[in-house]
Amino acid sequence: MSLLRRIMRSPAVRTGIGLLAAEYLRLVWKTNKLIVEPATLYEEVEADFPIIVAMWHGQHFMMPFIKHEQANYRTKVLISRHHDGQINAVAAERLGIGTIRGSGDHGGRFDRKGGVGAFKAMFDALNDGYNVALTADVPKVSRVAGNGVVKLASFSGRPLYVIAIATSRRYELDNWDRSAVNMPFGRIAVVADGPITVPRDMDEAATEQHRLMIEARLNAATLRAYAIADGKEQRT
């Protein structure tokens, strides 16, 4: 392992990067003009708490800010156990979001990467009144929803909202999740779609139907968020 890699994997270094990232994201949020669709989003979702929030990986950086500034939303987010995930966890906790560590796997193998424990932690958090946020993608496969988010909504019985965030000023990385590095001094669009309810008892075909529906609605919300941020569409 190279010296640089050893330095970057140091817990102290990852903590420092996470704290700096949190303050940068706070700057981005405060200096962008906020546009929320629907405009009554916060009034609508509060009646459904606790909820499940699904997003695409790569749009997750700004998610800690979707909680209403005037309300004390109790929220936890699922973050990978990968060493890079420690940076995200530090940033999220700095911004007032609790963390659950773990992830799914290709093909829905919840027994890997702490998946069983993470799924139970999310289920318990919902039962304790926390909103739970997680990325919907199959790991390392961008914009393809996995079964994890479907099963969490089904087993918990809690309503699901898909949410997309886009900024007019951004730098898009050429990586698997199409990460957008959000930048200050522009517009930021938050688009939500829901509630989506998932039945408790489903066969394989019904599970796939709901997975595809969530994927399609999340893609539609993403397209809408980018269109609003880029000034290409009128607000509805």
Protein backbone atom coordinates (compact mmCIF):
# COMPACT_ATOMS: atom_id res chain seq x y z
CA MET A 1 0.00 0.00 0.00
CA SER A 2 1.37 3.42 -0.95
CA LEU A 3 2.10 6.08 1.64
CA LEU A 4 -0.63 8.32 0.26
CA ARG A 5 -3.21 5.54 0.51
CA ARG A 6 -2.17 4.79 4.09
CA ILE A 7 -2.53 8.48 4.94
CA MET A 8 -5.97 8.69 3.30
CA ARG A 9 -7.17 5.64 5.23
CA SER A 10 -6.14 7.14 8.54
CA PRO A 11 -9.21 7.64 10.75
CA ALA A 12 -8.00 11.11 11.71
CA VAL A 13 -7.57 12.15 8.08
CA ARG A 14 -10.98 10.77 7.07
CA THR A 15 -12.59 12.58 10.00
CA GLY A 16 -10.95 15.85 8.99
CA ILE A 17 -12.05 15.48 5.37
CA GLY A 18 -15.58 14.67 6.52
CA LEU A 19 -15.78 17.79 8.68
CA LEU A 20 -14.47 19.99 5.86
CA ALA A 21 -16.93 18.38 3.42
CA ALA A 22 -19.83 19.13 5.77
CA GLU A 23 -18.94 22.80 5.98
CA TYR A 24 -18.50 23.04 2.23
CA LEU A 25 -21.93 21.47 1.66
CA ARG A 26 -23.42 23.89 4.18
CA LEU A 27 -21.97 26.75 2.10
CA VAL A 28 -23.48 25.26 -1.07
CA TRP A 29 -26.90 24.97 0.53
CA LYS A 30 -26.91 28.49 1.96
CA THR A 31 -25.74 30.19 -1.26
CA ASN A 32 -28.11 28.50 -3.72
CA LYS A 33 -31.67 29.63 -4.37
CA LEU A 34 -33.93 26.80 -3.19
CA ILE A 35 -36.79 25.52 -5.37
CA VAL A 36 -38.94 22.72 -3.91
CA GLU A 37 -41.45 20.68 -5.90
CA PRO A 38 -44.15 20.20 -4.84
CA ALA A 39 -44.13 23.52 -2.99
CA THR A 40 -46.18 21.96 -0.16
CA LEU A 41 -43.74 19.05 0.23
CA TYR A 42 -42.96 19.55 3.91
CA GLU A 43 -46.60 19.90 4.93
CA GLU A 44 -47.47 16.75 2.99
CA VAL A 45 -44.69 14.46 4.23
CA GLU A 46 -45.00 15.35 7.91
CA ALA A 47 -48.39 13.63 8.03
CA ASP A 48 -46.69 10.39 6.90
CA PHE A 49 -43.73 10.34 9.32
CA PRO A 50 -41.74 8.23 9.74
CA ILE A 51 -40.97 7.78 6.06
CA ILE A 52 -38.42 6.07 3.84
CA VAL A 53 -36.49 8.39 1.52
CA ALA A 54 -34.92 6.84 -1.58
CA MET A 55 -32.38 8.64 -3.75
CA TRP A 56 -29.85 7.77 -6.42
CA HIS A 57 -26.23 7.39 -5.40
CA GLY A 58 -24.26 10.39 -6.64
CA GLN A 59 -27.01 12.80 -5.62
CA HIS A 60 -26.62 12.02 -1.92
CA PHE A 61 -24.25 14.82 -0.95
CA MET A 62 -26.97 17.42 -0.36
CA MET A 63 -29.51 15.06 1.20
CA PRO A 64 -28.82 16.08 4.84
CA PHE A 65 -30.37 19.47 4.04
CA ILE A 66 -33.78 18.25 2.89
CA LYS A 67 -34.99 18.28 6.48
CA HIS A 68 -36.97 21.44 7.22
CA GLU A 69 -34.82 24.05 8.96
CA GLN A 70 -37.62 24.94 11.36
CA ALA A 71 -38.43 21.35 12.37
CA ASN A 72 -36.53 18.75 14.36
CA TYR A 73 -36.79 15.83 11.95
CA ARG A 74 -35.30 12.64 13.39
CA THR A 75 -33.51 11.03 10.48
CA LYS A 76 -30.92 8.32 9.89
CA VAL A 77 -29.13 7.51 6.65
CA LEU A 78 -27.61 4.24 5.42
CA ILE A 79 -23.91 4.63 4.59
CA SER A 80 -21.50 2.01 3.27
CA ARG A 81 -18.95 0.35 5.56
CA HIS A 82 -16.28 1.03 2.91
CA HIS A 83 -13.48 3.25 4.21
CA ASP A 84 -14.68 6.09 1.95
CA GLY A 85 -18.03 5.79 3.67
CA GLN A 86 -16.43 7.01 6.89
CA ILE A 87 -16.01 10.44 5.29
CA ASN A 88 -19.69 10.51 4.35
CA ALA A 89 -20.67 9.35 7.84
CA VAL A 90 -18.66 12.09 9.54
CA ALA A 91 -20.17 14.71 7.23
CA ALA A 92 -23.73 13.45 7.77
CA GLU A 93 -23.37 13.41 11.56
CA ARG A 94 -21.84 16.89 11.48
CA LEU A 95 -24.98 18.03 9.64
CA GLY A 96 -27.31 16.48 12.18
CA ILE A 97 -28.15 13.15 10.53
CA GLY A 98 -27.74 9.83 12.32
CA THR A 99 -25.97 7.03 10.47
CA ILE A 100 -26.49 3.31 9.91
CA ARG A 101 -23.46 1.53 8.48
CA GLY A 102 -23.81 -1.23 5.90
CA SER A 103 -24.96 -1.85 2.34
CA GLY A 104 -26.53 -4.36 0.05
CA ASP A 105 -24.77 -6.34 -2.65
CA HIS A 106 -25.17 -7.42 -6.25
CA GLY A 107 -28.16 -9.71 -6.45
CA GLY A 108 -29.57 -8.59 -3.13
CA ARG A 109 -27.21 -10.52 -0.88
CA PHE A 110 -28.00 -8.87 2.44
CA ASP A 111 -25.67 -11.24 4.29
CA ARG A 112 -22.66 -9.38 2.90
CA LYS A 113 -21.20 -5.99 3.84
CA GLY A 114 -23.20 -5.84 7.07
CA GLY A 115 -26.46 -6.00 5.14
CA VAL A 116 -28.50 -8.02 7.65
CA GLY A 117 -27.55 -5.78 10.57
CA ALA A 118 -28.12 -2.64 8.51
CA PHE A 119 -31.54 -3.78 7.34
CA LYS A 120 -32.58 -4.55 10.92
CA ALA A 121 -31.19 -1.19 12.08
CA MET A 122 -33.25 0.63 9.44
CA PHE A 123 -36.36 -1.35 10.36
CA ASP A 124 -35.83 -0.60 14.06
CA ALA A 125 -35.17 3.09 13.35
CA LEU A 126 -38.50 3.38 11.52
CA ASN A 127 -40.26 1.68 14.41
CA ASP A 128 -38.61 4.17 16.76
CA GLY A 129 -39.99 7.10 14.75
CA TYR A 130 -36.91 7.97 12.69
CA ASN A 131 -37.14 8.76 9.00
CA VAL A 132 -34.69 6.56 7.08
CA ALA A 133 -32.83 7.61 3.92
CA LEU A 134 -30.91 5.28 1.62
CA THR A 135 -29.63 5.06 -1.93
CA ALA A 136 -31.79 2.87 -4.16
CA ASP A 137 -29.10 1.74 -6.62
CA VAL A 138 -27.75 -1.76 -6.82
CA PRO A 139 -24.14 -1.25 -5.58
CA LYS A 140 -21.86 -0.17 -8.42
CA VAL A 141 -24.75 -0.17 -10.91
CA SER A 142 -25.99 3.36 -11.46
CA ARG A 143 -29.69 4.17 -11.82
CA VAL A 144 -30.83 0.57 -11.34
CA ALA A 145 -32.92 0.13 -8.22
CA GLY A 146 -32.26 -2.89 -6.03
CA ASN A 147 -34.76 -4.91 -4.02
CA GLY A 148 -33.51 -3.57 -0.69
CA VAL A 149 -35.58 -0.40 -0.74
CA VAL A 150 -38.66 -2.39 -1.85
CA LYS A 151 -38.24 -4.90 0.98
CA LEU A 152 -37.72 -2.19 3.58
CA ALA A 153 -40.96 -0.46 2.56
CA SER A 154 -42.78 -3.80 2.44
CA PHE A 155 -41.59 -5.19 5.78
CA SER A 156 -41.92 -1.90 7.67
CA GLY A 157 -45.22 -0.79 6.15
CA ARG A 158 -43.92 2.79 6.04
CA PRO A 159 -44.55 5.10 3.05
CA LEU A 160 -41.72 5.69 0.60
CA TYR A 161 -40.79 8.97 -1.07
CA VAL A 162 -38.31 9.25 -3.94
CA ILE A 163 -36.27 12.45 -3.87
CA ALA A 164 -33.82 14.03 -6.31
CA ILE A 165 -31.61 17.08 -5.80
CA ALA A 166 -29.76 19.03 -8.48
CA THR A 167 -27.83 22.29 -8.57
CA SER A 168 -27.43 24.57 -11.56
CA ARG A 169 -23.72 24.87 -10.89
CA ARG A 170 -22.07 21.48 -10.61
CA TYR A 171 -19.14 19.38 -11.72
CA GLU A 172 -20.15 15.92 -12.88
CA LEU A 173 -17.65 13.15 -12.27
CA ASP A 174 -17.03 10.37 -14.76
CA ASN A 175 -17.57 7.55 -12.28
CA TRP A 176 -20.05 4.70 -11.84
CA ASP A 177 -22.67 6.72 -9.91
CA ARG A 178 -22.43 9.89 -12.06
CA SER A 179 -21.66 11.92 -8.92
CA ALA A 180 -22.40 15.62 -9.13
CA VAL A 181 -20.14 17.85 -7.05
CA ASN A 182 -22.55 20.64 -6.16
CA MET A 183 -21.24 24.19 -6.26
CA PRO A 184 -22.39 27.42 -4.59
CA PHE A 185 -24.10 30.55 -5.98
CA GLY A 186 -26.78 29.11 -8.25
CA ARG A 187 -30.12 27.29 -7.98
CA ILE A 188 -30.85 24.08 -6.12
CA ALA A 189 -33.93 22.02 -6.95
CA VAL A 190 -35.48 19.42 -4.63
CA VAL A 191 -38.10 17.23 -6.30
CA ALA A 192 -40.07 14.59 -4.41
CA ASP A 193 -42.63 12.00 -5.47
CA GLY A 194 -44.76 10.01 -3.07
CA PRO A 195 -46.05 8.55 -0.94
CA ILE A 196 -45.47 5.13 -2.45
CA THR A 197 -46.94 2.23 -0.49
CA VAL A 198 -45.62 -1.30 -0.91
CA PRO A 199 -47.75 -4.30 0.14
CA ARG A 200 -46.47 -6.52 2.93
CA ASP A 201 -47.03 -9.84 1.16
CA MET A 202 -45.71 -9.97 -2.39
CA ASP A 203 -44.53 -12.70 -4.70
CA GLU A 204 -41.45 -12.33 -6.89
CA ALA A 205 -43.40 -10.81 -9.77
CA ALA A 206 -45.02 -8.16 -7.55
CA THR A 207 -41.69 -7.32 -5.97
CA GLU A 208 -40.17 -6.76 -9.41
CA GLN A 209 -43.14 -4.63 -10.44
CA HIS A 210 -42.67 -2.34 -7.45
CA ARG A 211 -38.90 -2.22 -7.98
CA LEU A 212 -39.38 -1.06 -11.57
CA MET A 213 -42.01 1.47 -10.49
CA ILE A 214 -39.71 2.99 -7.86
CA GLU A 215 -36.85 3.08 -10.38
CA ALA A 216 -39.02 4.84 -12.97
CA ARG A 217 -40.38 7.41 -10.52
CA LEU A 218 -36.90 8.14 -9.18
CA ASN A 219 -35.60 8.63 -12.73
CA ALA A 220 -38.51 10.96 -13.48
CA ALA A 221 -37.84 12.99 -10.32
CA THR A 222 -34.17 13.22 -11.28
CA LEU A 223 -34.94 14.51 -14.78
CA ARG A 224 -37.35 17.04 -13.31
CA ALA A 225 -34.83 18.25 -10.69
CA TYR A 226 -32.15 18.83 -13.34
CA ALA A 227 -34.63 20.58 -15.64
CA ILE A 228 -35.68 22.98 -12.86
CA ALA A 229 -32.11 23.60 -11.71
CA ASP A 230 -30.99 24.31 -15.26
CA GLY A 231 -33.96 26.63 -15.91
CA LYS A 232 -35.32 24.47 -18.74
CA GLU A 233 -38.85 23.98 -17.42
CA GLN A 234 -41.50 25.99 -15.63
CA ARG A 235 -42.43 24.89 -12.16
CA THR A 236 -45.67 22.97 -11.77
